[in-house]
Amino acid sequence: MKRNKMLMTALGLGAAYLMRNKESRDKLKGQFNDFAGSTKSSGNSHSAAANNKKGGLLTSFFN
């Protein structure tokens, strides 16, 4: 119970920090997009290009 409360507090503080700090949001967004791009196979480059054109994995959350 106490562990869950601490986890939720840390998650809330991290979210509050990201809401206020644009550089951190952009850095985190870039890291997620890089990770999503690295997990795709190289044979599926058309899909990766389409995803980058749309703005990436977390664009809807951070814009």
Protein backbone atom coordinates (compact mmCIF):
# COMPACT_ATOMS: atom_id res chain seq x y z
CA MET A 1 0.00 0.00 0.00
CA LYS A 2 2.71 2.46 0.99
CA ARG A 3 4.82 1.45 -1.99
CA ASN A 4 1.94 2.15 -4.39
CA LYS A 5 1.41 5.57 -2.83
CA MET A 6 5.10 6.41 -3.24
CA LEU A 7 5.04 5.23 -6.86
CA MET A 8 1.99 7.35 -7.66
CA THR A 9 3.55 10.37 -5.95
CA ALA A 10 6.74 9.99 -8.00
CA LEU A 11 4.70 9.59 -11.18
CA GLY A 12 2.66 12.69 -10.37
CA LEU A 13 5.75 14.76 -9.63
CA GLY A 14 7.37 13.63 -12.88
CA ALA A 15 4.26 14.53 -14.84
CA ALA A 16 4.07 17.94 -13.17
CA TYR A 17 7.72 18.58 -14.03
CA LEU A 18 7.16 17.64 -17.67
CA MET A 19 4.10 19.88 -17.88
CA ARG A 20 6.18 22.91 -16.85
CA ASN A 21 9.49 22.22 -18.62
CA LYS A 22 9.28 22.30 -22.44
CA GLU A 23 12.92 21.24 -23.01
CA SER A 24 12.39 18.10 -20.92
CA ARG A 25 9.16 17.30 -22.75
CA ASP A 26 10.88 17.64 -26.11
CA LYS A 27 13.83 15.52 -24.97
CA LEU A 28 11.55 12.76 -23.65
CA LYS A 29 9.45 12.88 -26.82
CA GLY A 30 12.59 12.52 -28.92
CA GLN A 31 13.75 9.54 -26.86
CA PHE A 32 10.40 7.77 -27.28
CA ASN A 33 10.38 8.46 -31.01
CA ASP A 34 13.96 7.17 -31.35
CA PHE A 35 13.03 4.04 -29.40
CA ALA A 36 9.92 3.47 -31.52
CA GLY A 37 11.98 3.92 -34.68
CA SER A 38 14.69 1.49 -33.53
CA THR A 39 12.19 -1.30 -32.82
CA LYS A 40 10.85 -1.30 -36.39
CA SER A 41 12.42 -3.56 -38.95
CA SER A 42 14.56 -2.00 -41.66
CA GLY A 43 12.37 -3.60 -44.33
CA ASN A 44 9.42 -1.52 -43.18
CA SER A 45 10.97 1.87 -44.00
CA HIS A 46 7.81 3.16 -45.71
CA SER A 47 5.84 2.76 -42.49
CA ALA A 48 8.59 4.43 -40.46
CA ALA A 49 8.65 7.38 -42.86
CA ALA A 50 4.86 7.71 -42.59
CA ASN A 51 5.09 7.65 -38.79
CA ASN A 52 7.73 10.39 -38.81
CA LYS A 53 5.57 12.47 -41.14
CA LYS A 54 2.70 12.26 -38.65
CA GLY A 55 4.98 13.43 -35.84
CA GLY A 56 5.87 10.24 -34.03
CA LEU A 57 4.57 8.15 -31.21
CA LEU A 58 3.78 10.73 -28.52
CA THR A 59 2.94 13.81 -30.54
CA SER A 60 -0.71 13.76 -29.52
CA PHE A 61 0.25 13.72 -25.83
CA PHE A 62 2.82 16.52 -25.86
CA ASN A 63 1.32 19.01 -28.32
